[in-house]
Amino acid sequence: MSRVDEYPTDPMRRRNVLAFLPLAVAALLAVVLAWGLTRDPGNLPSTLIGKAVPDFALPPVKGRTLGLSSTDLKGEVSLVNVFASWCVACREEHPLFMKLAAQGTVPLHGLNYKDQPDDAAKWLDSLGDPYTRTGADISERVAIDWGVYGVPETFVIGANGRVAYKHIGPVSEEALNGTILPLVEELRRQPEGDSALGGGQ
């Protein structure tokens, strides 16, 4: 047997590599997809964690008297919930927020995202208004500054006006009692000048 018969030529090697290339790409995509499926969509990082809330001042949702601004988010630990009347997932968490407001556990402020004034007012009038203050962000400029991906999203704000945590998607009872409220209590024990805890979502 000649050496030519024993060992594949360069073109043959290239053909073998090309034959396995689609399989390797498919395997890589499968690994990436599997990793993505195990990720919690609420765990997307926020560049605002540990930073002061962006400067803003918004008028209240129609029919409300208290607007929302960055200065309102200093002095006590609070939550800011980004919501909209057209947001189906917002309805999932709303009863939980109504219960939270009734208990007076922590101030909850609403950032109304890209909504029509009448629609937002009707939504709160019919489902109940759990918010201490609301801000009507019709142009969505404030939400962009906050790095909002969509609605709903909920932020935990320290008494120092810094973002300590971001939850993406509807807040469940498990998320509220297991993560958000314990963080609220931990922040309340911190001196106001301390930096926000790094609960990066």
N, C-alpha and C. Protein backbone atom coordinates (compact mmCIF):
# COMPACT_ATOMS: atom_id res chain seq x y z
N MET A 1 0.85 -1.19 0.00
CA MET A 1 0.00 0.00 0.00
C MET A 1 0.88 1.24 0.00
N SER A 2 0.59 2.15 -0.86
CA SER A 2 1.41 3.36 -0.94
C SER A 2 1.05 4.31 0.19
N ARG A 3 1.92 5.30 0.43
CA ARG A 3 1.69 6.29 1.48
C ARG A 3 0.51 7.17 1.12
N VAL A 4 0.27 7.29 -0.20
CA VAL A 4 -0.88 8.09 -0.64
C VAL A 4 -2.17 7.42 -0.20
N ASP A 5 -2.20 6.07 -0.25
CA ASP A 5 -3.39 5.33 0.16
C ASP A 5 -3.54 5.32 1.68
N GLU A 6 -2.39 5.38 2.43
CA GLU A 6 -2.44 5.29 3.88
C GLU A 6 -3.00 6.54 4.53
N TYR A 7 -2.64 7.70 4.04
CA TYR A 7 -2.98 8.96 4.69
C TYR A 7 -3.85 9.80 3.77
N PRO A 8 -4.93 10.43 4.33
CA PRO A 8 -5.79 11.26 3.49
C PRO A 8 -5.04 12.48 3.01
N THR A 9 -5.35 12.91 1.82
CA THR A 9 -4.76 14.12 1.27
C THR A 9 -5.37 15.34 1.92
N ASP A 10 -4.76 16.52 1.72
CA ASP A 10 -5.28 17.77 2.29
C ASP A 10 -6.72 18.03 1.88
N PRO A 11 -7.08 17.88 0.60
CA PRO A 11 -8.50 18.10 0.23
C PRO A 11 -9.44 17.17 0.98
N MET A 12 -9.01 15.93 1.21
CA MET A 12 -9.86 14.99 1.93
C MET A 12 -10.04 15.44 3.38
N ARG A 13 -8.94 15.94 4.00
CA ARG A 13 -9.03 16.44 5.38
C ARG A 13 -10.01 17.61 5.45
N ARG A 14 -9.92 18.51 4.48
CA ARG A 14 -10.82 19.67 4.47
C ARG A 14 -12.28 19.23 4.35
N ARG A 15 -12.51 18.22 3.49
CA ARG A 15 -13.88 17.74 3.32
C ARG A 15 -14.41 17.14 4.63
N ASN A 16 -13.54 16.42 5.35
CA ASN A 16 -13.95 15.82 6.63
C ASN A 16 -14.28 16.89 7.65
N VAL A 17 -13.45 17.94 7.70
CA VAL A 17 -13.69 19.04 8.65
C VAL A 17 -14.99 19.75 8.31
N LEU A 18 -15.20 20.02 7.03
CA LEU A 18 -16.43 20.71 6.61
C LEU A 18 -17.68 19.87 6.88
N ALA A 19 -17.51 18.55 6.79
CA ALA A 19 -18.65 17.67 7.04
C ALA A 19 -19.09 17.73 8.49
N PHE A 20 -18.12 17.90 9.41
CA PHE A 20 -18.45 17.95 10.84
C PHE A 20 -18.77 19.35 11.34
N LEU A 21 -18.49 20.37 10.53
CA LEU A 21 -18.71 21.77 10.95
C LEU A 21 -20.17 22.06 11.31
N PRO A 22 -21.16 21.68 10.48
CA PRO A 22 -22.55 21.94 10.87
C PRO A 22 -22.94 21.27 12.18
N LEU A 23 -22.41 20.06 12.40
CA LEU A 23 -22.70 19.35 13.64
C LEU A 23 -22.13 20.08 14.84
N ALA A 24 -20.90 20.61 14.69
CA ALA A 24 -20.27 21.35 15.78
C ALA A 24 -21.02 22.64 16.08
N VAL A 25 -21.45 23.34 15.03
CA VAL A 25 -22.23 24.58 15.21
C VAL A 25 -23.55 24.28 15.91
N ALA A 26 -24.22 23.20 15.48
CA ALA A 26 -25.49 22.82 16.09
C ALA A 26 -25.31 22.48 17.57
N ALA A 27 -24.22 21.79 17.89
CA ALA A 27 -23.95 21.43 19.29
C ALA A 27 -23.71 22.69 20.12
N LEU A 28 -22.97 23.64 19.56
CA LEU A 28 -22.70 24.89 20.27
C LEU A 28 -23.99 25.67 20.52
N LEU A 29 -24.84 25.73 19.51
CA LEU A 29 -26.13 26.42 19.67
C LEU A 29 -27.01 25.74 20.72
N ALA A 30 -26.95 24.42 20.75
CA ALA A 30 -27.73 23.68 21.74
C ALA A 30 -27.27 24.00 23.16
N VAL A 31 -25.96 24.11 23.33
CA VAL A 31 -25.41 24.44 24.65
C VAL A 31 -25.84 25.85 25.06
N VAL A 32 -25.73 26.81 24.14
CA VAL A 32 -26.14 28.19 24.42
C VAL A 32 -27.62 28.26 24.75
N LEU A 33 -28.44 27.54 23.98
CA LEU A 33 -29.88 27.54 24.22
C LEU A 33 -30.21 26.92 25.57
N ALA A 34 -29.56 25.81 25.89
CA ALA A 34 -29.80 25.17 27.19
C ALA A 34 -29.42 26.09 28.34
N TRP A 35 -28.31 26.81 28.18
CA TRP A 35 -27.89 27.77 29.22
C TRP A 35 -28.92 28.89 29.34
N GLY A 36 -29.42 29.35 28.20
CA GLY A 36 -30.40 30.43 28.22
C GLY A 36 -31.70 30.02 28.89
N LEU A 37 -32.10 28.77 28.69
CA LEU A 37 -33.35 28.29 29.29
C LEU A 37 -33.25 28.15 30.80
N THR A 38 -32.04 27.98 31.30
CA THR A 38 -31.87 27.86 32.76
C THR A 38 -31.74 29.22 33.42
N ARG A 39 -31.62 30.29 32.63
CA ARG A 39 -31.48 31.63 33.19
C ARG A 39 -32.84 32.19 33.56
N ASP A 40 -32.91 32.83 34.71
CA ASP A 40 -34.12 33.52 35.12
C ASP A 40 -34.20 34.84 34.36
N PRO A 41 -35.30 35.09 33.58
CA PRO A 41 -35.39 36.34 32.84
C PRO A 41 -35.38 37.55 33.75
N GLY A 42 -35.68 37.36 35.05
CA GLY A 42 -35.64 38.46 35.98
C GLY A 42 -34.24 38.80 36.45
N ASN A 43 -33.24 38.02 35.99
CA ASN A 43 -31.88 38.23 36.46
C ASN A 43 -31.02 39.05 35.50
N LEU A 44 -31.67 39.76 34.57
CA LEU A 44 -30.90 40.62 33.67
C LEU A 44 -30.24 41.72 34.48
N PRO A 45 -28.97 41.97 34.22
CA PRO A 45 -28.26 42.97 35.03
C PRO A 45 -28.77 44.38 34.76
N SER A 46 -28.65 45.24 35.75
CA SER A 46 -29.00 46.65 35.59
C SER A 46 -27.77 47.48 35.87
N THR A 47 -27.50 48.43 34.98
CA THR A 47 -26.34 49.30 35.17
C THR A 47 -26.57 50.30 36.29
N LEU A 48 -27.81 50.40 36.78
CA LEU A 48 -28.12 51.38 37.83
C LEU A 48 -27.88 50.85 39.24
N ILE A 49 -27.66 49.55 39.38
CA ILE A 49 -27.49 48.99 40.72
C ILE A 49 -26.34 49.70 41.44
N GLY A 50 -26.63 50.24 42.62
CA GLY A 50 -25.64 50.95 43.41
C GLY A 50 -25.50 52.42 43.04
N LYS A 51 -26.23 52.85 42.03
CA LYS A 51 -26.13 54.24 41.58
C LYS A 51 -27.38 55.02 41.97
N ALA A 52 -27.25 56.34 41.99
CA ALA A 52 -28.39 57.21 42.30
C ALA A 52 -29.42 57.11 41.18
N VAL A 53 -30.69 57.20 41.55
CA VAL A 53 -31.74 57.19 40.53
C VAL A 53 -31.54 58.40 39.61
N PRO A 54 -31.86 58.25 38.34
CA PRO A 54 -31.70 59.39 37.42
C PRO A 54 -32.57 60.57 37.85
N ASP A 55 -32.10 61.77 37.56
CA ASP A 55 -32.90 62.97 37.87
C ASP A 55 -34.12 63.02 36.95
N PHE A 56 -35.28 63.19 37.57
CA PHE A 56 -36.50 63.28 36.78
C PHE A 56 -37.59 63.93 37.62
N ALA A 57 -38.62 64.41 36.97
CA ALA A 57 -39.81 64.94 37.65
C ALA A 57 -40.99 64.73 36.71
N LEU A 58 -41.96 63.96 37.17
CA LEU A 58 -43.12 63.63 36.35
C LEU A 58 -44.41 64.07 37.02
N PRO A 59 -45.38 64.49 36.22
CA PRO A 59 -46.71 64.79 36.78
C PRO A 59 -47.40 63.50 37.16
N PRO A 60 -48.42 63.58 38.01
CA PRO A 60 -49.12 62.36 38.41
C PRO A 60 -49.99 61.80 37.30
N VAL A 61 -50.34 60.55 37.43
CA VAL A 61 -51.33 59.95 36.54
C VAL A 61 -52.64 60.72 36.72
N LYS A 62 -53.37 60.87 35.67
CA LYS A 62 -54.61 61.63 35.67
C LYS A 62 -55.52 61.20 36.83
N GLY A 63 -56.01 62.18 37.58
CA GLY A 63 -56.89 61.91 38.71
C GLY A 63 -56.16 61.77 40.02
N ARG A 64 -54.81 61.74 39.98
CA ARG A 64 -54.01 61.66 41.20
C ARG A 64 -53.42 63.04 41.50
N THR A 65 -53.03 63.27 42.73
CA THR A 65 -52.51 64.59 43.09
C THR A 65 -51.00 64.64 43.27
N LEU A 66 -50.38 63.49 43.59
CA LEU A 66 -48.93 63.47 43.86
C LEU A 66 -48.17 62.89 42.68
N GLY A 67 -47.32 63.73 42.08
CA GLY A 67 -46.44 63.26 41.03
C GLY A 67 -45.24 62.54 41.61
N LEU A 68 -44.30 62.19 40.75
CA LEU A 68 -43.12 61.43 41.19
C LEU A 68 -41.86 62.06 40.61
N SER A 69 -40.87 62.25 41.48
CA SER A 69 -39.59 62.80 41.05
C SER A 69 -38.46 62.11 41.80
N SER A 70 -37.24 62.35 41.35
CA SER A 70 -36.08 61.73 41.99
C SER A 70 -35.93 62.17 43.44
N THR A 71 -36.35 63.38 43.76
CA THR A 71 -36.23 63.86 45.15
C THR A 71 -37.20 63.13 46.08
N ASP A 72 -38.29 62.61 45.52
CA ASP A 72 -39.26 61.85 46.33
C ASP A 72 -38.71 60.50 46.76
N LEU A 73 -37.63 60.07 46.13
CA LEU A 73 -37.08 58.74 46.39
C LEU A 73 -35.89 58.78 47.33
N LYS A 74 -35.81 59.83 48.13
CA LYS A 74 -34.75 59.95 49.13
C LYS A 74 -35.38 60.10 50.51
N GLY A 75 -34.70 59.54 51.50
CA GLY A 75 -35.17 59.69 52.87
C GLY A 75 -35.80 58.45 53.46
N GLU A 76 -36.28 57.54 52.62
CA GLU A 76 -36.84 56.27 53.11
C GLU A 76 -36.73 55.23 52.02
N VAL A 77 -36.62 53.98 52.42
CA VAL A 77 -36.57 52.88 51.48
C VAL A 77 -37.94 52.76 50.81
N SER A 78 -37.94 52.55 49.51
CA SER A 78 -39.20 52.48 48.78
C SER A 78 -39.08 51.57 47.57
N LEU A 79 -40.21 51.29 46.95
CA LEU A 79 -40.25 50.52 45.71
C LEU A 79 -40.79 51.41 44.60
N VAL A 80 -40.28 51.21 43.41
CA VAL A 80 -40.82 51.87 42.22
C VAL A 80 -41.22 50.78 41.24
N ASN A 81 -42.49 50.78 40.89
CA ASN A 81 -43.04 49.77 39.97
C ASN A 81 -43.38 50.43 38.64
N VAL A 82 -42.82 49.89 37.56
CA VAL A 82 -43.11 50.37 36.22
C VAL A 82 -44.30 49.57 35.69
N PHE A 83 -45.38 50.28 35.35
CA PHE A 83 -46.61 49.59 34.94
C PHE A 83 -47.28 50.32 33.78
N ALA A 84 -48.25 49.66 33.17
CA ALA A 84 -49.03 50.27 32.10
C ALA A 84 -50.39 49.58 32.03
N SER A 85 -51.39 50.31 31.59
CA SER A 85 -52.74 49.74 31.50
C SER A 85 -52.81 48.65 30.44
N TRP A 86 -51.96 48.74 29.43
CA TRP A 86 -51.98 47.76 28.34
C TRP A 86 -51.13 46.52 28.65
N CYS A 87 -50.51 46.51 29.81
CA CYS A 87 -49.60 45.43 30.20
C CYS A 87 -50.38 44.29 30.87
N VAL A 88 -50.46 43.16 30.19
CA VAL A 88 -51.20 42.01 30.73
C VAL A 88 -50.54 41.47 32.00
N ALA A 89 -49.20 41.39 32.00
CA ALA A 89 -48.48 40.85 33.16
C ALA A 89 -48.63 41.74 34.39
N CYS A 90 -48.90 43.04 34.18
CA CYS A 90 -49.08 43.94 35.31
C CYS A 90 -50.30 43.55 36.15
N ARG A 91 -51.28 42.95 35.50
CA ARG A 91 -52.49 42.51 36.22
C ARG A 91 -52.18 41.36 37.17
N GLU A 92 -51.16 40.58 36.83
CA GLU A 92 -50.79 39.44 37.68
C GLU A 92 -50.29 39.90 39.05
N GLU A 93 -49.49 40.95 39.06
CA GLU A 93 -48.87 41.39 40.30
C GLU A 93 -49.72 42.41 41.06
N HIS A 94 -50.73 42.99 40.39
CA HIS A 94 -51.47 44.10 40.98
C HIS A 94 -52.16 43.74 42.31
N PRO A 95 -52.82 42.57 42.41
CA PRO A 95 -53.44 42.22 43.70
C PRO A 95 -52.42 42.15 44.84
N LEU A 96 -51.21 41.70 44.53
CA LEU A 96 -50.15 41.63 45.53
C LEU A 96 -49.75 43.03 45.99
N PHE A 97 -49.71 43.96 45.06
CA PHE A 97 -49.38 45.34 45.41
C PHE A 97 -50.50 46.01 46.20
N MET A 98 -51.73 45.66 45.90
CA MET A 98 -52.87 46.19 46.67
C MET A 98 -52.78 45.71 48.11
N LYS A 99 -52.41 44.45 48.28
CA LYS A 99 -52.24 43.89 49.63
C LYS A 99 -51.08 44.57 50.35
N LEU A 100 -49.99 44.80 49.63
CA LEU A 100 -48.82 45.46 50.20
C LEU A 100 -49.17 46.87 50.66
N ALA A 101 -49.94 47.58 49.84
CA ALA A 101 -50.34 48.95 50.19
C ALA A 101 -51.25 48.96 51.41
N ALA A 102 -52.16 47.99 51.49
CA ALA A 102 -53.08 47.91 52.62
C ALA A 102 -52.33 47.65 53.92
N GLN A 103 -51.24 46.88 53.84
CA GLN A 103 -50.44 46.58 55.02
C GLN A 103 -49.50 47.72 55.39
N GLY A 104 -49.25 48.62 54.45
CA GLY A 104 -48.35 49.74 54.71
C GLY A 104 -46.92 49.32 54.98
N THR A 105 -46.50 48.22 54.36
CA THR A 105 -45.18 47.66 54.62
C THR A 105 -44.06 48.55 54.13
N VAL A 106 -44.21 49.07 52.92
CA VAL A 106 -43.17 49.89 52.29
C VAL A 106 -43.85 50.79 51.27
N PRO A 107 -43.41 52.05 51.14
CA PRO A 107 -43.99 52.92 50.12
C PRO A 107 -43.77 52.34 48.72
N LEU A 108 -44.83 52.32 47.95
CA LEU A 108 -44.78 51.81 46.58
C LEU A 108 -45.18 52.94 45.64
N HIS A 109 -44.27 53.30 44.74
CA HIS A 109 -44.54 54.36 43.77
C HIS A 109 -44.70 53.74 42.39
N GLY A 110 -45.55 54.35 41.58
CA GLY A 110 -45.82 53.83 40.25
C GLY A 110 -45.26 54.73 39.16
N LEU A 111 -44.50 54.13 38.26
CA LEU A 111 -44.02 54.82 37.07
C LEU A 111 -44.84 54.31 35.89
N ASN A 112 -45.78 55.14 35.45
CA ASN A 112 -46.70 54.73 34.38
C ASN A 112 -46.02 54.91 33.03
N TYR A 113 -45.83 53.81 32.34
CA TYR A 113 -44.98 53.75 31.16
C TYR A 113 -45.78 53.83 29.86
N LYS A 114 -45.52 54.88 29.07
CA LYS A 114 -46.01 54.95 27.70
C LYS A 114 -47.50 54.67 27.61
N ASP A 115 -48.27 55.36 28.45
CA ASP A 115 -49.70 55.10 28.57
C ASP A 115 -50.49 56.36 28.24
N GLN A 116 -51.70 56.18 27.78
CA GLN A 116 -52.59 57.32 27.57
C GLN A 116 -53.20 57.72 28.92
N PRO A 117 -53.32 59.03 29.20
CA PRO A 117 -53.80 59.49 30.51
C PRO A 117 -55.13 58.86 30.93
N ASP A 118 -56.10 58.82 30.03
CA ASP A 118 -57.41 58.26 30.38
C ASP A 118 -57.32 56.77 30.65
N ASP A 119 -56.49 56.06 29.87
CA ASP A 119 -56.36 54.61 30.05
C ASP A 119 -55.72 54.28 31.40
N ALA A 120 -54.68 55.03 31.75
CA ALA A 120 -54.00 54.80 33.03
C ALA A 120 -54.94 55.08 34.20
N ALA A 121 -55.68 56.18 34.11
CA ALA A 121 -56.61 56.54 35.18
C ALA A 121 -57.71 55.50 35.33
N LYS A 122 -58.25 55.05 34.22
CA LYS A 122 -59.32 54.04 34.26
C LYS A 122 -58.82 52.73 34.85
N TRP A 123 -57.58 52.37 34.51
CA TRP A 123 -56.99 51.12 35.00
C TRP A 123 -56.87 51.15 36.52
N LEU A 124 -56.35 52.26 37.06
CA LEU A 124 -56.19 52.38 38.51
C LEU A 124 -57.54 52.54 39.21
N ASP A 125 -58.47 53.22 38.58
CA ASP A 125 -59.79 53.40 39.18
C ASP A 125 -60.54 52.08 39.28
N SER A 126 -60.35 51.20 38.29
CA SER A 126 -61.09 49.94 38.28
C SER A 126 -60.41 48.85 39.10
N LEU A 127 -59.07 48.79 39.06
CA LEU A 127 -58.35 47.73 39.76
C LEU A 127 -57.89 48.13 41.16
N GLY A 128 -57.90 49.43 41.43
CA GLY A 128 -57.40 49.93 42.71
C GLY A 128 -56.03 50.57 42.53
N ASP A 129 -55.74 51.55 43.36
CA ASP A 129 -54.49 52.29 43.26
C ASP A 129 -53.62 52.02 44.49
N PRO A 130 -52.57 51.19 44.33
CA PRO A 130 -51.72 50.87 45.47
C PRO A 130 -50.56 51.85 45.68
N TYR A 131 -50.48 52.86 44.80
CA TYR A 131 -49.28 53.70 44.78
C TYR A 131 -49.38 54.92 45.67
N THR A 132 -48.29 55.20 46.38
CA THR A 132 -48.19 56.42 47.18
C THR A 132 -48.10 57.63 46.27
N ARG A 133 -47.26 57.50 45.24
CA ARG A 133 -47.10 58.54 44.22
C ARG A 133 -47.08 57.87 42.85
N THR A 134 -47.49 58.60 41.84
CA THR A 134 -47.39 58.08 40.48
C THR A 134 -46.73 59.13 39.58
N GLY A 135 -46.04 58.65 38.58
CA GLY A 135 -45.44 59.52 37.58
C GLY A 135 -45.87 59.07 36.20
N ALA A 136 -46.43 59.97 35.41
CA ALA A 136 -46.91 59.64 34.07
C ALA A 136 -45.79 59.86 33.06
N ASP A 137 -45.18 58.78 32.63
CA ASP A 137 -44.06 58.86 31.69
C ASP A 137 -44.57 58.55 30.28
N ILE A 138 -45.35 59.46 29.75
CA ILE A 138 -45.98 59.25 28.45
C ILE A 138 -44.94 59.12 27.34
N SER A 139 -43.88 59.92 27.42
CA SER A 139 -42.86 59.93 26.36
C SER A 139 -41.84 58.81 26.53
N GLU A 140 -41.87 58.10 27.65
CA GLU A 140 -40.96 57.02 28.04
C GLU A 140 -39.52 57.47 28.21
N ARG A 141 -39.26 58.75 28.27
CA ARG A 141 -37.89 59.23 28.44
C ARG A 141 -37.30 58.84 29.79
N VAL A 142 -38.12 58.93 30.84
CA VAL A 142 -37.64 58.58 32.18
C VAL A 142 -37.35 57.08 32.24
N ALA A 143 -38.24 56.28 31.68
CA ALA A 143 -38.03 54.83 31.68
C ALA A 143 -36.74 54.45 30.96
N ILE A 144 -36.43 55.16 29.89
CA ILE A 144 -35.18 54.90 29.17
C ILE A 144 -33.98 55.19 30.07
N ASP A 145 -34.06 56.31 30.80
CA ASP A 145 -32.97 56.65 31.73
C ASP A 145 -32.82 55.60 32.83
N TRP A 146 -33.93 54.99 33.20
CA TRP A 146 -33.89 53.96 34.23
C TRP A 146 -33.44 52.61 33.67
N GLY A 147 -33.29 52.52 32.36
CA GLY A 147 -32.87 51.26 31.75
C GLY A 147 -33.97 50.22 31.73
N VAL A 148 -35.21 50.68 31.60
CA VAL A 148 -36.36 49.77 31.61
C VAL A 148 -36.38 48.97 30.31
N TYR A 149 -36.47 47.63 30.44
CA TYR A 149 -36.55 46.74 29.28
C TYR A 149 -37.99 46.62 28.80
N GLY A 150 -38.92 46.68 29.72
CA GLY A 150 -40.33 46.50 29.42
C GLY A 150 -41.13 46.61 30.70
N VAL A 151 -42.38 46.21 30.65
CA VAL A 151 -43.22 46.26 31.84
C VAL A 151 -43.79 44.87 32.11
N PRO A 152 -43.97 44.56 33.39
CA PRO A 152 -43.62 45.36 34.57
C PRO A 152 -42.16 45.16 34.98
N GLU A 153 -41.65 46.15 35.69
CA GLU A 153 -40.37 46.06 36.36
C GLU A 153 -40.51 46.75 37.70
N THR A 154 -39.77 46.27 38.69
CA THR A 154 -39.86 46.85 40.03
C THR A 154 -38.46 47.07 40.59
N PHE A 155 -38.24 48.27 41.10
CA PHE A 155 -36.95 48.65 41.67
C PHE A 155 -37.07 48.82 43.18
N VAL A 156 -36.02 48.40 43.90
CA VAL A 156 -35.91 48.70 45.33
C VAL A 156 -34.94 49.87 45.45
N ILE A 157 -35.40 50.94 46.10
CA ILE A 157 -34.59 52.15 46.23
C ILE A 157 -34.23 52.36 47.70
N GLY A 158 -32.95 52.55 47.97
CA GLY A 158 -32.50 52.81 49.33
C GLY A 158 -32.86 54.20 49.79
N ALA A 159 -32.76 54.44 51.08
CA ALA A 159 -33.08 55.76 51.63
C ALA A 159 -32.13 56.83 51.10
N ASN A 160 -30.99 56.40 50.60
CA ASN A 160 -30.02 57.34 50.03
C ASN A 160 -30.31 57.67 48.57
N GLY A 161 -31.43 57.16 48.06
CA GLY A 161 -31.80 57.45 46.68
C GLY A 161 -31.06 56.63 45.65
N ARG A 162 -30.45 55.54 46.08
CA ARG A 162 -29.72 54.67 45.15
C ARG A 162 -30.52 53.39 44.86
N VAL A 163 -30.35 52.90 43.65
CA VAL A 163 -31.04 51.67 43.25
C VAL A 163 -30.31 50.47 43.85
N ALA A 164 -31.04 49.68 44.62
CA ALA A 164 -30.43 48.51 45.27
C ALA A 164 -30.76 47.20 44.57
N TYR A 165 -31.86 47.19 43.81
CA TYR A 165 -32.31 45.93 43.23
C TYR A 165 -33.29 46.20 42.11
N LYS A 166 -33.30 45.32 41.13
CA LYS A 166 -34.26 45.44 40.02
C LYS A 166 -34.86 44.08 39.73
N HIS A 167 -36.17 44.02 39.72
CA HIS A 167 -36.89 42.78 39.39
C HIS A 167 -37.60 42.98 38.06
N ILE A 168 -37.33 42.11 37.11
CA ILE A 168 -37.96 42.19 35.80
C ILE A 168 -39.09 41.18 35.71
N GLY A 169 -40.25 41.64 35.24
CA GLY A 169 -41.41 40.77 35.13
C GLY A 169 -42.32 40.96 36.33
N PRO A 170 -43.48 40.29 36.33
CA PRO A 170 -44.41 40.44 37.44
C PRO A 170 -43.82 39.92 38.75
N VAL A 171 -44.04 40.67 39.80
CA VAL A 171 -43.56 40.26 41.13
C VAL A 171 -44.49 39.18 41.68
N SER A 172 -43.91 38.06 42.05
CA SER A 172 -44.67 36.98 42.66
C SER A 172 -44.58 37.11 44.18
N GLU A 173 -45.44 36.37 44.86
CA GLU A 173 -45.39 36.37 46.33
C GLU A 173 -44.05 35.84 46.82
N GLU A 174 -43.53 34.87 46.08
CA GLU A 174 -42.23 34.29 46.45
C GLU A 174 -41.12 35.34 46.31
N ALA A 175 -41.13 36.08 45.20
CA ALA A 175 -40.11 37.12 45.00
C ALA A 175 -40.25 38.24 46.02
N LEU A 176 -41.50 38.60 46.32
CA LEU A 176 -41.73 39.68 47.27
C LEU A 176 -41.25 39.31 48.67
N ASN A 177 -41.69 38.15 49.15
CA ASN A 177 -41.37 37.74 50.51
C ASN A 177 -39.98 37.14 50.66
N GLY A 178 -39.47 36.57 49.58
CA GLY A 178 -38.17 35.90 49.67
C GLY A 178 -36.99 36.80 49.34
N THR A 179 -37.21 37.83 48.55
CA THR A 179 -36.10 38.68 48.11
C THR A 179 -36.32 40.16 48.39
N ILE A 180 -37.44 40.69 47.92
CA ILE A 180 -37.65 42.14 47.94
C ILE A 180 -37.82 42.68 49.36
N LEU A 181 -38.76 42.11 50.12
CA LEU A 181 -39.00 42.63 51.47
C LEU A 181 -37.83 42.40 52.42
N PRO A 182 -37.14 41.24 52.36
CA PRO A 182 -35.93 41.11 53.19
C PRO A 182 -34.87 42.16 52.84
N LEU A 183 -34.75 42.50 51.55
CA LEU A 183 -33.80 43.53 51.16
C LEU A 183 -34.24 44.90 51.70
N VAL A 184 -35.54 45.16 51.67
CA VAL A 184 -36.06 46.41 52.24
C VAL A 184 -35.66 46.53 53.71
N GLU A 185 -35.84 45.46 54.46
CA GLU A 185 -35.48 45.48 55.89
C GLU A 185 -33.97 45.65 56.08
N GLU A 186 -33.19 45.01 55.23
CA GLU A 186 -31.74 45.14 55.34
C GLU A 186 -31.30 46.57 55.04
N LEU A 187 -31.90 47.17 54.04
CA LEU A 187 -31.57 48.56 53.70
C LEU A 187 -31.97 49.51 54.82
N ARG A 188 -33.07 49.22 55.47
CA ARG A 188 -33.52 50.08 56.58
C ARG A 188 -32.54 50.04 57.75
N ARG A 189 -31.81 48.96 57.89
CA ARG A 189 -30.83 48.85 58.97
C ARG A 189 -29.52 49.53 58.63
N GLN A 190 -29.34 49.89 57.35
CA GLN A 190 -28.11 50.55 56.93
C GLN A 190 -28.13 52.02 57.25
N PRO A 191 -26.96 52.59 57.59
CA PRO A 191 -26.88 54.06 57.66
C PRO A 191 -27.20 54.64 56.29
N GLU A 192 -27.88 55.78 56.26
CA GLU A 192 -28.35 56.34 54.99
C GLU A 192 -27.22 56.62 54.02
N GLY A 193 -26.04 56.91 54.52
CA GLY A 193 -24.93 57.25 53.64
C GLY A 193 -24.28 56.06 52.97
N ASP A 194 -24.60 54.85 53.44
CA ASP A 194 -23.96 53.66 52.88
C ASP A 194 -24.43 53.44 51.44
N SER A 195 -23.58 52.79 50.66
CA SER A 195 -23.97 52.48 49.30
C SER A 195 -25.03 51.40 49.30
N ALA A 196 -25.81 51.37 48.21
CA ALA A 196 -26.89 50.38 48.09
C ALA A 196 -26.29 48.99 47.98
N LEU A 197 -27.03 48.02 48.47
CA LEU A 197 -26.60 46.64 48.37
C LEU A 197 -26.66 46.21 46.92
N GLY A 198 -25.76 45.33 46.56
CA GLY A 198 -25.69 44.92 45.16
C GLY A 198 -26.57 43.74 44.85
N GLY A 199 -27.89 43.94 44.81
CA GLY A 199 -28.79 42.86 44.45
C GLY A 199 -29.10 42.91 42.97
N GLY A 200 -28.13 42.58 42.14
CA GLY A 200 -28.24 42.88 40.71
C GLY A 200 -29.23 42.02 39.96
N GLN A 201 -30.34 42.61 39.63
CA GLN A 201 -31.23 41.98 38.67
C GLN A 201 -31.49 42.96 37.58
